[in-house]
Amino acid sequence: EIFNSVWWPIKMGQPTQDWITGRGNSLMLNTDICLVFDIEDDIDGEIPCCTKTNSECLEQESRKRKCPMYSRMHSRFEAREAVQEMLGGSHPHN
């Protein structure tokens, strides 16, 4: 789900910040999103983003910015690669 669903933050900037998808019926922990997406600066600056910026991102402010994935040069890139491999490689599944 981390790759296939559209996620956006709830309770932005609060200690209990998490991510939801759809109509709020699925929840992803901030720490899980951080394994794949480079959102640290966004969270610290309280700049919302969606993991995909399409009509499925229901939070209007978050839809304006796509959450960046870690680049190959980032120290957390290997974590992203490990999550992707664990979920099925180049064609991730749930």
PDB file of N, CA and C in Angstrom:
ATOM      1  N   GLU A   1       0.793  -1.200   0.000  1.00  0.00           N
ATOM      2  CA  GLU A   1       0.000   0.000   0.000  1.00  0.00           C
ATOM      3  C   GLU A   1       0.833   1.261   0.000  1.00  0.00           C
ATOM      4  N   ILE A   2       2.025   1.203   0.526  1.00  0.00           N
ATOM      5  CA  ILE A   2       2.828   2.417   0.627  1.00  0.00           C
ATOM      6  C   ILE A   2       3.144   2.996  -0.759  1.00  0.00           C
ATOM      7  N   PHE A   3       3.260   2.133  -1.770  1.00  0.00           N
ATOM      8  CA  PHE A   3       3.550   2.589  -3.128  1.00  0.00           C
ATOM      9  C   PHE A   3       2.280   2.774  -3.965  1.00  0.00           C
ATOM     10  N   ASN A   4       1.278   1.947  -3.745  1.00  0.00           N
ATOM     11  CA  ASN A   4       0.107   1.949  -4.609  1.00  0.00           C
ATOM     12  C   ASN A   4      -0.986   2.919  -4.206  1.00  0.00           C
ATOM     13  N   SER A   5      -1.035   3.315  -2.948  1.00  0.00           N
ATOM     14  CA  SER A   5      -2.090   4.215  -2.467  1.00  0.00           C
ATOM     15  C   SER A   5      -1.589   5.654  -2.411  1.00  0.00           C
ATOM     16  N   VAL A   6      -2.524   6.565  -2.323  1.00  0.00           N
ATOM     17  CA  VAL A   6      -2.212   7.984  -2.177  1.00  0.00           C
ATOM     18  C   VAL A   6      -2.326   8.319  -0.690  1.00  0.00           C
ATOM     19  N   TRP A   7      -1.241   8.822  -0.115  1.00  0.00           N
ATOM     20  CA  TRP A   7      -1.203   9.138   1.318  1.00  0.00           C
ATOM     21  C   TRP A   7      -0.983  10.619   1.537  1.00  0.00           C
ATOM     22  N   TRP A   8      -1.630  11.200   2.563  1.00  0.00           N
ATOM     23  CA  TRP A   8      -1.409  12.581   2.953  1.00  0.00           C
ATOM     24  C   TRP A   8      -1.469  12.663   4.472  1.00  0.00           C
ATOM     25  N   PRO A   9      -0.809  13.693   5.048  1.00  0.00           N
ATOM     26  CA  PRO A   9      -0.696  13.772   6.500  1.00  0.00           C
ATOM     27  C   PRO A   9      -1.967  14.262   7.185  1.00  0.00           C
ATOM     28  N   ILE A  10      -2.159  13.744   8.394  1.00  0.00           N
ATOM     29  CA  ILE A  10      -3.181  14.275   9.290  1.00  0.00           C
ATOM     30  C   ILE A  10      -2.471  14.717  10.561  1.00  0.00           C
ATOM     31  N   LYS A  11      -3.019  15.686  11.227  1.00  0.00           N
ATOM     32  CA  LYS A  11      -2.429  16.243  12.448  1.00  0.00           C
ATOM     33  C   LYS A  11      -1.016  16.753  12.166  1.00  0.00           C
ATOM     34  N   MET A  12      -0.869  17.478  11.066  1.00  0.00           N
ATOM     35  CA  MET A  12       0.420  17.984  10.593  1.00  0.00           C
ATOM     36  C   MET A  12       1.159  18.750  11.683  1.00  0.00           C
ATOM     37  N   GLY A  13       2.419  18.361  11.909  1.00  0.00           N
ATOM     38  CA  GLY A  13       3.282  19.045  12.859  1.00  0.00           C
ATOM     39  C   GLY A  13       3.056  18.665  14.310  1.00  0.00           C
ATOM     40  N   GLN A  14       2.110  17.783  14.572  1.00  0.00           N
ATOM     41  CA  GLN A  14       1.836  17.345  15.944  1.00  0.00           C
ATOM     42  C   GLN A  14       2.582  16.042  16.219  1.00  0.00           C
ATOM     43  N   PRO A  15       2.831  15.738  17.482  1.00  0.00           N
ATOM     44  CA  PRO A  15       3.539  14.489  17.814  1.00  0.00           C
ATOM     45  C   PRO A  15       2.816  13.236  17.320  1.00  0.00           C
ATOM     46  N   THR A  16       1.513  13.320  17.133  1.00  0.00           N
ATOM     47  CA  THR A  16       0.732  12.154  16.692  1.00  0.00           C
ATOM     48  C   THR A  16       0.441  12.186  15.197  1.00  0.00           C
ATOM     49  N   GLN A  17       1.265  12.894  14.424  1.00  0.00           N
ATOM     50  CA  GLN A  17       1.036  12.965  12.978  1.00  0.00           C
ATOM     51  C   GLN A  17       1.123  11.580  12.358  1.00  0.00           C
ATOM     52  N   ASP A  18       0.164  11.263  11.528  1.00  0.00           N
ATOM     53  CA  ASP A  18       0.149  10.030  10.760  1.00  0.00           C
ATOM     54  C   ASP A  18      -0.305  10.378   9.347  1.00  0.00           C
ATOM     55  N   TRP A  19      -0.557   9.360   8.546  1.00  0.00           N
ATOM     56  CA  TRP A  19      -0.959   9.544   7.149  1.00  0.00           C
ATOM     57  C   TRP A  19      -2.202   8.709   6.882  1.00  0.00           C
ATOM     58  N   ILE A  20      -3.115   9.256   6.083  1.00  0.00           N
ATOM     59  CA  ILE A  20      -4.326   8.531   5.720  1.00  0.00           C
ATOM     60  C   ILE A  20      -4.449   8.446   4.210  1.00  0.00           C
ATOM     61  N   THR A  21      -5.315   7.550   3.773  1.00  0.00           N
ATOM     62  CA  THR A  21      -5.598   7.383   2.353  1.00  0.00           C
ATOM     63  C   THR A  21      -7.103   7.187   2.181  1.00  0.00           C
ATOM     64  N   GLY A  22      -7.574   7.346   0.982  1.00  0.00           N
ATOM     65  CA  GLY A  22      -9.001   7.171   0.709  1.00  0.00           C
ATOM     66  C   GLY A  22      -9.844   8.132   1.507  1.00  0.00           C
ATOM     67  N   ARG A  23     -10.884   7.653   2.067  1.00  0.00           N
ATOM     68  CA  ARG A  23     -11.788   8.472   2.890  1.00  0.00           C
ATOM     69  C   ARG A  23     -11.381   8.416   4.363  1.00  0.00           C
ATOM     70  N   GLY A  24     -10.115   8.132   4.619  1.00  0.00           N
ATOM     71  CA  GLY A  24      -9.624   8.087   5.983  1.00  0.00           C
ATOM     72  C   GLY A  24      -9.769   6.739   6.644  1.00  0.00           C
ATOM     73  N   ASN A  25     -10.045   5.707   5.835  1.00  0.00           N
ATOM     74  CA  ASN A  25     -10.254   4.388   6.407  1.00  0.00           C
ATOM     75  C   ASN A  25      -8.967   3.567   6.535  1.00  0.00           C
ATOM     76  N   SER A  26      -7.853   4.075   6.056  1.00  0.00           N
ATOM     77  CA  SER A  26      -6.563   3.402   6.213  1.00  0.00           C
ATOM     78  C   SER A  26      -5.572   4.386   6.806  1.00  0.00           C
ATOM     79  N   LEU A  27      -4.716   3.889   7.676  1.00  0.00           N
ATOM     80  CA  LEU A  27      -3.745   4.725   8.371  1.00  0.00           C
ATOM     81  C   LEU A  27      -2.349   4.159   8.165  1.00  0.00           C
ATOM     82  N   MET A  28      -1.392   5.041   7.945  1.00  0.00           N
ATOM     83  CA  MET A  28       0.018   4.652   7.828  1.00  0.00           C
ATOM     84  C   MET A  28       0.787   5.529   8.817  1.00  0.00           C
ATOM     85  N   LEU A  29       1.669   4.924   9.570  1.00  0.00           N
ATOM     86  CA  LEU A  29       2.462   5.683  10.528  1.00  0.00           C
ATOM     87  C   LEU A  29       3.467   6.574   9.817  1.00  0.00           C
ATOM     88  N   ASN A  30       3.766   7.696  10.429  1.00  0.00           N
ATOM     89  CA  ASN A  30       4.745   8.622   9.880  1.00  0.00           C
ATOM     90  C   ASN A  30       6.081   7.914   9.662  1.00  0.00           C
ATOM     91  N   THR A  31       6.466   7.054  10.591  1.00  0.00           N
ATOM     92  CA  THR A  31       7.744   6.339  10.468  1.00  0.00           C
ATOM     93  C   THR A  31       7.761   5.416   9.256  1.00  0.00           C
ATOM     94  N   ASP A  32       6.620   4.865   8.885  1.00  0.00           N
ATOM     95  CA  ASP A  32       6.559   4.009   7.696  1.00  0.00           C
ATOM     96  C   ASP A  32       6.716   4.834   6.426  1.00  0.00           C
ATOM     97  N   ILE A  33       6.029   5.966   6.354  1.00  0.00           N
ATOM     98  CA  ILE A  33       6.146   6.844   5.189  1.00  0.00           C
ATOM     99  C   ILE A  33       7.588   7.313   5.030  1.00  0.00           C
ATOM    100  N   CYS A  34       8.251   7.577   6.161  1.00  0.00           N
ATOM    101  CA  CYS A  34       9.651   8.041   6.136  1.00  0.00           C
ATOM    102  C   CYS A  34      10.618   7.005   5.578  1.00  0.00           C
ATOM    103  N   LEU A  35      10.220   5.744   5.507  1.00  0.00           N
ATOM    104  CA  LEU A  35      11.087   4.716   4.922  1.00  0.00           C
ATOM    105  C   LEU A  35      11.228   4.888   3.412  1.00  0.00           C
ATOM    106  N   VAL A  36      10.243   5.497   2.790  1.00  0.00           N
ATOM    107  CA  VAL A  36      10.213   5.611   1.332  1.00  0.00           C
ATOM    108  C   VAL A  36      10.297   7.056   0.846  1.00  0.00           C
ATOM    109  N   PHE A  37       9.631   7.961   1.557  1.00  0.00           N
ATOM    110  CA  PHE A  37       9.521   9.344   1.103  1.00  0.00           C
ATOM    111  C   PHE A  37      10.372  10.279   1.951  1.00  0.00           C
ATOM    112  N   ASP A  38      11.019  11.230   1.292  1.00  0.00           N
ATOM    113  CA  ASP A  38      11.894  12.206   1.932  1.00  0.00           C
ATOM    114  C   ASP A  38      11.049  13.378   2.424  1.00  0.00           C
ATOM    115  N   ILE A  39      10.387  13.179   3.560  1.00  0.00           N
ATOM    116  CA  ILE A  39       9.417  14.164   4.043  1.00  0.00           C
ATOM    117  C   ILE A  39       9.894  14.934   5.264  1.00  0.00           C
ATOM    118  N   GLU A  40      11.095  14.681   5.731  1.00  0.00           N
ATOM    119  CA  GLU A  40      11.569  15.302   6.962  1.00  0.00           C
ATOM    120  C   GLU A  40      11.487  16.830   6.917  1.00  0.00           C
ATOM    121  N   ASP A  41      11.979  17.444   5.855  1.00  0.00           N
ATOM    122  CA  ASP A  41      11.919  18.904   5.736  1.00  0.00           C
ATOM    123  C   ASP A  41      10.477  19.388   5.629  1.00  0.00           C
ATOM    124  N   ASP A  42       9.630  18.611   4.955  1.00  0.00           N
ATOM    125  CA  ASP A  42       8.224  18.986   4.823  1.00  0.00           C
ATOM    126  C   ASP A  42       7.539  18.989   6.185  1.00  0.00           C
ATOM    127  N   ILE A  43       7.814  17.971   6.975  1.00  0.00           N
ATOM    128  CA  ILE A  43       7.199  17.849   8.293  1.00  0.00           C
ATOM    129  C   ILE A  43       7.693  18.968   9.208  1.00  0.00           C
ATOM    130  N   ASP A  44       9.005  19.175   9.225  1.00  0.00           N
ATOM    131  CA  ASP A  44       9.570  20.229  10.077  1.00  0.00           C
ATOM    132  C   ASP A  44       9.031  21.601   9.696  1.00  0.00           C
ATOM    133  N   GLY A  45       8.849  21.835   8.416  1.00  0.00           N
ATOM    134  CA  GLY A  45       8.327  23.119   7.946  1.00  0.00           C
ATOM    135  C   GLY A  45       6.823  23.170   7.854  1.00  0.00           C
ATOM    136  N   GLU A  46       6.173  22.075   8.252  1.00  0.00           N
ATOM    137  CA  GLU A  46       4.721  21.943   8.178  1.00  0.00           C
ATOM    138  C   GLU A  46       4.201  22.242   6.775  1.00  0.00           C
ATOM    139  N   ILE A  47       4.875  21.662   5.776  1.00  0.00           N
ATOM    140  CA  ILE A  47       4.483  21.785   4.374  1.00  0.00           C
ATOM    141  C   ILE A  47       3.840  20.461   3.973  1.00  0.00           C
ATOM    142  N   PRO A  48       2.530  20.413   3.811  1.00  0.00           N
ATOM    143  CA  PRO A  48       1.880  19.151   3.484  1.00  0.00           C
ATOM    144  C   PRO A  48       2.188  18.694   2.055  1.00  0.00           C
ATOM    145  N   CYS A  49       2.146  17.389   1.865  1.00  0.00           N
ATOM    146  CA  CYS A  49       2.337  16.817   0.530  1.00  0.00           C
ATOM    147  C   CYS A  49       1.546  15.523   0.440  1.00  0.00           C
ATOM    148  N   CYS A  50       1.320  15.069  -0.784  1.00  0.00           N
ATOM    149  CA  CYS A  50       0.695  13.777  -1.049  1.00  0.00           C
ATOM    150  C   CYS A  50       1.722  12.883  -1.715  1.00  0.00           C
ATOM    151  N   THR A  51       1.614  11.594  -1.469  1.00  0.00           N
ATOM    152  CA  THR A  51       2.545  10.675  -2.121  1.00  0.00           C
ATOM    153  C   THR A  51       2.293  10.599  -3.618  1.00  0.00           C
ATOM    154  N   LYS A  52       1.093  10.948  -4.051  1.00  0.00           N
ATOM    155  CA  LYS A  52       0.755  11.102  -5.465  1.00  0.00           C
ATOM    156  C   LYS A  52      -0.156  12.311  -5.560  1.00  0.00           C
ATOM    157  N   THR A  53       0.058  13.147  -6.549  1.00  0.00           N
ATOM    158  CA  THR A  53      -0.778  14.356  -6.670  1.00  0.00           C
ATOM    159  C   THR A  53      -1.797  14.173  -7.784  1.00  0.00           C
ATOM    160  N   ASN A  54      -2.834  13.452  -7.480  1.00  0.00           N
ATOM    161  CA  ASN A  54      -3.921  13.266  -8.437  1.00  0.00           C
ATOM    162  C   ASN A  54      -5.237  13.444  -7.695  1.00  0.00           C
ATOM    163  N   SER A  55      -6.323  13.170  -8.352  1.00  0.00           N
ATOM    164  CA  SER A  55      -7.637  13.396  -7.749  1.00  0.00           C
ATOM    165  C   SER A  55      -7.894  12.508  -6.542  1.00  0.00           C
ATOM    166  N   GLU A  56      -7.093  11.455  -6.352  1.00  0.00           N
ATOM    167  CA  GLU A  56      -7.267  10.592  -5.191  1.00  0.00           C
ATOM    168  C   GLU A  56      -6.755  11.240  -3.907  1.00  0.00           C
ATOM    169  N   CYS A  57      -5.927  12.256  -4.032  1.00  0.00           N
ATOM    170  CA  CYS A  57      -5.457  12.998  -2.867  1.00  0.00           C
ATOM    171  C   CYS A  57      -6.566  13.965  -2.481  1.00  0.00           C
ATOM    172  N   LEU A  58      -7.300  13.633  -1.439  1.00  0.00           N
ATOM    173  CA  LEU A  58      -8.499  14.384  -1.097  1.00  0.00           C
ATOM    174  C   LEU A  58      -8.224  15.640  -0.274  1.00  0.00           C
ATOM    175  N   GLU A  59      -7.028  15.772   0.259  1.00  0.00           N
ATOM    176  CA  GLU A  59      -6.698  16.953   1.053  1.00  0.00           C
ATOM    177  C   GLU A  59      -6.126  17.997   0.115  1.00  0.00           C
ATOM    178  N   GLN A  60      -6.858  19.084  -0.068  1.00  0.00           N
ATOM    179  CA  GLN A  60      -6.540  20.070  -1.110  1.00  0.00           C
ATOM    180  C   GLN A  60      -5.164  20.702  -0.950  1.00  0.00           C
ATOM    181  N   GLU A  61      -4.769  21.062   0.261  1.00  0.00           N
ATOM    182  CA  GLU A  61      -3.473  21.698   0.464  1.00  0.00           C
ATOM    183  C   GLU A  61      -2.338  20.720   0.161  1.00  0.00           C
ATOM    184  N   SER A  62      -2.483  19.463   0.553  1.00  0.00           N
ATOM    185  CA  SER A  62      -1.459  18.443   0.299  1.00  0.00           C
ATOM    186  C   SER A  62      -1.322  18.122  -1.182  1.00  0.00           C
ATOM    187  N   ARG A  63      -2.429  18.211  -1.921  1.00  0.00           N
ATOM    188  CA  ARG A  63      -2.438  17.872  -3.343  1.00  0.00           C
ATOM    189  C   ARG A  63      -1.528  18.789  -4.170  1.00  0.00           C
ATOM    190  N   LYS A  64      -1.176  19.939  -3.636  1.00  0.00           N
ATOM    191  CA  LYS A  64      -0.352  20.905  -4.361  1.00  0.00           C
ATOM    192  C   LYS A  64       1.102  20.454  -4.494  1.00  0.00           C
ATOM    193  N   ARG A  65       1.533  19.498  -3.679  1.00  0.00           N
ATOM    194  CA  ARG A  65       2.944  19.106  -3.683  1.00  0.00           C
ATOM    195  C   ARG A  65       3.084  17.598  -3.522  1.00  0.00           C
ATOM    196  N   LYS A  66       3.848  16.987  -4.405  1.00  0.00           N
ATOM    197  CA  LYS A  66       4.117  15.556  -4.314  1.00  0.00           C
ATOM    198  C   LYS A  66       5.281  15.322  -3.352  1.00  0.00           C
ATOM    199  N   CYS A  67       5.096  14.394  -2.431  1.00  0.00           N
ATOM    200  CA  CYS A  67       6.173  14.041  -1.499  1.00  0.00           C
ATOM    201  C   CYS A  67       7.323  13.422  -2.298  1.00  0.00           C
ATOM    202  N   PRO A  68       8.528  13.930  -2.119  1.00  0.00           N
ATOM    203  CA  PRO A  68       9.653  13.374  -2.866  1.00  0.00           C
ATOM    204  C   PRO A  68      10.116  12.026  -2.302  1.00  0.00           C
ATOM    205  N   MET A  69      10.548  11.153  -3.185  1.00  0.00           N
ATOM    206  CA  MET A  69      11.179   9.903  -2.751  1.00  0.00           C
ATOM    207  C   MET A  69      12.659  10.181  -2.556  1.00  0.00           C
ATOM    208  N   TYR A  70      13.310   9.342  -1.795  1.00  0.00           N
ATOM    209  CA  TYR A  70      14.745   9.519  -1.585  1.00  0.00           C
ATOM    210  C   TYR A  70      15.507   9.335  -2.890  1.00  0.00           C
ATOM    211  N   SER A  71      16.463  10.219  -3.124  1.00  0.00           N
ATOM    212  CA  SER A  71      17.320  10.093  -4.308  1.00  0.00           C
ATOM    213  C   SER A  71      18.419   9.081  -4.023  1.00  0.00           C
ATOM    214  N   ARG A  72      19.079   8.641  -5.065  1.00  0.00           N
ATOM    215  CA  ARG A  72      20.168   7.666  -4.910  1.00  0.00           C
ATOM    216  C   ARG A  72      21.290   8.176  -4.015  1.00  0.00           C
ATOM    217  N   MET A  73      21.459   9.475  -3.933  1.00  0.00           N
ATOM    218  CA  MET A  73      22.536  10.065  -3.143  1.00  0.00           C
ATOM    219  C   MET A  73      22.168  10.216  -1.661  1.00  0.00           C
ATOM    220  N   HIS A  74      20.920  10.021  -1.311  1.00  0.00           N
ATOM    221  CA  HIS A  74      20.479  10.210   0.068  1.00  0.00           C
ATOM    222  C   HIS A  74      20.889   9.018   0.933  1.00  0.00           C
ATOM    223  N   SER A  75      21.215   9.277   2.183  1.00  0.00           N
ATOM    224  CA  SER A  75      21.646   8.205   3.090  1.00  0.00           C
ATOM    225  C   SER A  75      20.531   7.198   3.376  1.00  0.00           C
ATOM    226  N   ARG A  76      19.281   7.564   3.145  1.00  0.00           N
ATOM    227  CA  ARG A  76      18.163   6.643   3.395  1.00  0.00           C
ATOM    228  C   ARG A  76      17.688   5.916   2.134  1.00  0.00           C
ATOM    229  N   PHE A  77      18.396   6.076   1.043  1.00  0.00           N
ATOM    230  CA  PHE A  77      17.984   5.430  -0.205  1.00  0.00           C
ATOM    231  C   PHE A  77      17.921   3.909  -0.055  1.00  0.00           C
ATOM    232  N   GLU A  78      18.860   3.340   0.673  1.00  0.00           N
ATOM    233  CA  GLU A  78      18.874   1.879   0.856  1.00  0.00           C
ATOM    234  C   GLU A  78      17.624   1.400   1.589  1.00  0.00           C
ATOM    235  N   ALA A  79      17.102   2.191   2.503  1.00  0.00           N
ATOM    236  CA  ALA A  79      15.864   1.824   3.197  1.00  0.00           C
ATOM    237  C   ALA A  79      14.714   1.762   2.198  1.00  0.00           C
ATOM    238  N   ARG A  80      14.641   2.758   1.321  1.00  0.00           N
ATOM    239  CA  ARG A  80      13.594   2.759   0.294  1.00  0.00           C
ATOM    240  C   ARG A  80      13.704   1.532  -0.601  1.00  0.00           C
ATOM    241  N   GLU A  81      14.933   1.218  -0.999  1.00  0.00           N
ATOM    242  CA  GLU A  81      15.160   0.043  -1.844  1.00  0.00           C
ATOM    243  C   GLU A  81      14.741  -1.241  -1.132  1.00  0.00           C
ATOM    244  N   ALA A  82      15.043  -1.335   0.165  1.00  0.00           N
ATOM    245  CA  ALA A  82      14.690  -2.529   0.937  1.00  0.00           C
ATOM    246  C   ALA A  82      13.175  -2.691   1.034  1.00  0.00           C
ATOM    247  N   VAL A  83      12.456  -1.596   1.263  1.00  0.00           N
ATOM    248  CA  VAL A  83      10.997  -1.657   1.329  1.00  0.00           C
ATOM    249  C   VAL A  83      10.436  -2.082  -0.023  1.00  0.00           C
ATOM    250  N   GLN A  84      10.947  -1.503  -1.087  1.00  0.00           N
ATOM    251  CA  GLN A  84      10.460  -1.848  -2.422  1.00  0.00           C
ATOM    252  C   GLN A  84      10.727  -3.317  -2.730  1.00  0.00           C
ATOM    253  N   GLU A  85      11.885  -3.806  -2.395  1.00  0.00           N
ATOM    254  CA  GLU A  85      12.217  -5.218  -2.643  1.00  0.00           C
ATOM    255  C   GLU A  85      11.316  -6.134  -1.816  1.00  0.00           C
ATOM    256  N   MET A  86      11.104  -5.772  -0.562  1.00  0.00           N
ATOM    257  CA  MET A  86      10.265  -6.583   0.317  1.00  0.00           C
ATOM    258  C   MET A  86       8.834  -6.676  -0.219  1.00  0.00           C
ATOM    259  N   LEU A  87       8.367  -5.612  -0.881  1.00  0.00           N
ATOM    260  CA  LEU A  87       6.997  -5.578  -1.387  1.00  0.00           C
ATOM    261  C   LEU A  87       6.857  -6.038  -2.834  1.00  0.00           C
ATOM    262  N   GLY A  88       7.909  -6.565  -3.408  1.00  0.00           N
ATOM    263  CA  GLY A  88       7.764  -7.135  -4.743  1.00  0.00           C
ATOM    264  C   GLY A  88       8.644  -6.540  -5.811  1.00  0.00           C
ATOM    265  N   GLY A  89       9.671  -5.800  -5.445  1.00  0.00           N
ATOM    266  CA  GLY A  89      10.596  -5.267  -6.426  1.00  0.00           C
ATOM    267  C   GLY A  89      10.043  -4.113  -7.225  1.00  0.00           C
ATOM    268  N   SER A  90      10.276  -4.128  -8.550  1.00  0.00           N
ATOM    269  CA  SER A  90       9.870  -2.997  -9.387  1.00  0.00           C
ATOM    270  C   SER A  90       8.359  -2.931  -9.602  1.00  0.00           C
ATOM    271  N   HIS A  91       7.661  -3.985  -9.214  1.00  0.00           N
ATOM    272  CA  HIS A  91       6.196  -3.998  -9.313  1.00  0.00           C
ATOM    273  C   HIS A  91       5.632  -4.280  -7.935  1.00  0.00           C
ATOM    274  N   PRO A  92       5.698  -3.285  -7.022  1.00  0.00           N
ATOM    275  CA  PRO A  92       5.274  -3.512  -5.639  1.00  0.00           C
ATOM    276  C   PRO A  92       3.811  -3.877  -5.531  1.00  0.00           C
ATOM    277  N   HIS A  93       3.529  -4.666  -4.535  1.00  0.00           N
ATOM    278  CA  HIS A  93       2.151  -5.046  -4.224  1.00  0.00           C
ATOM    279  C   HIS A  93       1.948  -4.877  -2.728  1.00  0.00           C
ATOM    280  N   ASN A  94       0.752  -5.124  -2.278  1.00  0.00           N
ATOM    281  CA  ASN A  94       0.436  -4.909  -0.854  1.00  0.00           C
ATOM    282  C   ASN A  94       1.010  -5.986   0.013  1.00  0.00           C
TER     283      ASN A  94
END
